[in-house]
Amino acid sequence: MSDVKAIEDAVRALPPEDLAEFRRWFAEFDHAAWDAQLQQDAAAGKLDALAAEARADYRSDPRKAP
């Protein structure tokens, strides 16, 4: 049995209170992992093109003051 399958089975077997606690923990874990990946991508320049596009869109908006 794979580790993922074992984890899935264990999660399915959790009583409701423990499942709620696990869900809270996993949400925090997942958010932290996403934040870390975003920081790595930004540091590596992977978001530079998106930032440049956003700046260009902002500057081209006639409602914005120069």
C-alpha atoms as a PDB file:
ATOM      1  CA  MET A   1       0.000   0.000   0.000  1.00  0.00           C
ATOM      2  CA  SER A   2       1.321   3.439  -0.912  1.00  0.00           C
ATOM      3  CA  ASP A   3       1.842   6.116   1.710  1.00  0.00           C
ATOM      4  CA  VAL A   4      -0.844   8.259   0.086  1.00  0.00           C
ATOM      5  CA  LYS A   5      -3.377   5.418   0.169  1.00  0.00           C
ATOM      6  CA  ALA A   6      -2.562   4.735   3.824  1.00  0.00           C
ATOM      7  CA  ILE A   7      -3.050   8.426   4.651  1.00  0.00           C
ATOM      8  CA  GLU A   8      -6.341   8.510   2.746  1.00  0.00           C
ATOM      9  CA  ASP A   9      -7.587   5.461   4.658  1.00  0.00           C
ATOM     10  CA  ALA A  10      -6.489   6.961   7.981  1.00  0.00           C
ATOM     11  CA  VAL A  11      -8.264  10.241   7.236  1.00  0.00           C
ATOM     12  CA  ARG A  12     -11.437   8.418   6.270  1.00  0.00           C
ATOM     13  CA  ALA A  13     -11.350   6.560   9.599  1.00  0.00           C
ATOM     14  CA  LEU A  14     -11.051   9.692  11.752  1.00  0.00           C
ATOM     15  CA  PRO A  15     -13.931  10.531  14.051  1.00  0.00           C
ATOM     16  CA  PRO A  16     -15.578  13.890  13.247  1.00  0.00           C
ATOM     17  CA  GLU A  17     -13.741  15.853  15.965  1.00  0.00           C
ATOM     18  CA  ASP A  18     -10.351  14.562  14.852  1.00  0.00           C
ATOM     19  CA  LEU A  19     -11.223  15.178  11.209  1.00  0.00           C
ATOM     20  CA  ALA A  20     -12.067  18.800  12.024  1.00  0.00           C
ATOM     21  CA  GLU A  21      -8.728  19.186  13.827  1.00  0.00           C
ATOM     22  CA  PHE A  22      -6.895  17.578  10.913  1.00  0.00           C
ATOM     23  CA  ARG A  23      -8.648  19.850   8.410  1.00  0.00           C
ATOM     24  CA  ARG A  24      -7.606  22.939  10.386  1.00  0.00           C
ATOM     25  CA  TRP A  25      -4.026  21.697  10.574  1.00  0.00           C
ATOM     26  CA  PHE A  26      -3.917  20.800   6.880  1.00  0.00           C
ATOM     27  CA  ALA A  27      -5.331  24.164   5.826  1.00  0.00           C
ATOM     28  CA  GLU A  28      -2.546  25.922   7.746  1.00  0.00           C
ATOM     29  CA  PHE A  29       0.048  23.516   6.339  1.00  0.00           C
ATOM     30  CA  ASP A  30      -1.239  23.991   2.791  1.00  0.00           C
ATOM     31  CA  HIS A  31      -1.279  27.798   3.093  1.00  0.00           C
ATOM     32  CA  ALA A  32       2.287  27.810   4.420  1.00  0.00           C
ATOM     33  CA  ALA A  33       3.451  25.556   1.565  1.00  0.00           C
ATOM     34  CA  TRP A  34       1.718  27.811  -0.990  1.00  0.00           C
ATOM     35  CA  ASP A  35       3.263  30.923   0.542  1.00  0.00           C
ATOM     36  CA  ALA A  36       6.731  29.325   0.461  1.00  0.00           C
ATOM     37  CA  GLN A  37       6.301  28.345  -3.196  1.00  0.00           C
ATOM     38  CA  LEU A  38       5.123  31.840  -4.094  1.00  0.00           C
ATOM     39  CA  GLN A  39       8.151  33.358  -2.367  1.00  0.00           C
ATOM     40  CA  GLN A  40      10.477  30.968  -4.208  1.00  0.00           C
ATOM     41  CA  ASP A  41       8.849  31.759  -7.543  1.00  0.00           C
ATOM     42  CA  ALA A  42       9.083  35.501  -6.898  1.00  0.00           C
ATOM     43  CA  ALA A  43      12.748  35.248  -5.894  1.00  0.00           C
ATOM     44  CA  ALA A  44      13.468  33.212  -9.039  1.00  0.00           C
ATOM     45  CA  GLY A  45      11.851  35.870 -11.244  1.00  0.00           C
ATOM     46  CA  LYS A  46       9.005  33.603 -12.339  1.00  0.00           C
ATOM     47  CA  LEU A  47       6.451  36.327 -11.583  1.00  0.00           C
ATOM     48  CA  ASP A  48       8.294  39.207 -13.237  1.00  0.00           C
ATOM     49  CA  ALA A  49       6.317  39.000 -16.479  1.00  0.00           C
ATOM     50  CA  LEU A  50       3.014  39.031 -14.595  1.00  0.00           C
ATOM     51  CA  ALA A  51       4.114  42.018 -12.514  1.00  0.00           C
ATOM     52  CA  ALA A  52       5.213  43.890 -15.649  1.00  0.00           C
ATOM     53  CA  GLU A  53       1.868  43.155 -17.296  1.00  0.00           C
ATOM     54  CA  ALA A  54      -0.025  44.400 -14.235  1.00  0.00           C
ATOM     55  CA  ARG A  55       2.038  47.610 -14.136  1.00  0.00           C
ATOM     56  CA  ALA A  56       1.449  48.183 -17.855  1.00  0.00           C
ATOM     57  CA  ASP A  57      -2.295  47.633 -17.426  1.00  0.00           C
ATOM     58  CA  TYR A  58      -2.361  50.032 -14.496  1.00  0.00           C
ATOM     59  CA  ARG A  59      -0.466  52.713 -16.423  1.00  0.00           C
ATOM     60  CA  SER A  60      -2.702  52.340 -19.475  1.00  0.00           C
ATOM     61  CA  ASP A  61      -5.901  52.841 -17.470  1.00  0.00           C
ATOM     62  CA  PRO A  62      -7.141  56.381 -18.304  1.00  0.00           C
ATOM     63  CA  ARG A  63      -8.805  56.618 -14.876  1.00  0.00           C
ATOM     64  CA  LYS A  64      -5.425  56.498 -13.134  1.00  0.00           C
ATOM     65  CA  ALA A  65      -3.517  59.713 -12.541  1.00  0.00           C
ATOM     66  CA  PRO A  66       0.035  59.744 -13.898  1.00  0.00           C
END
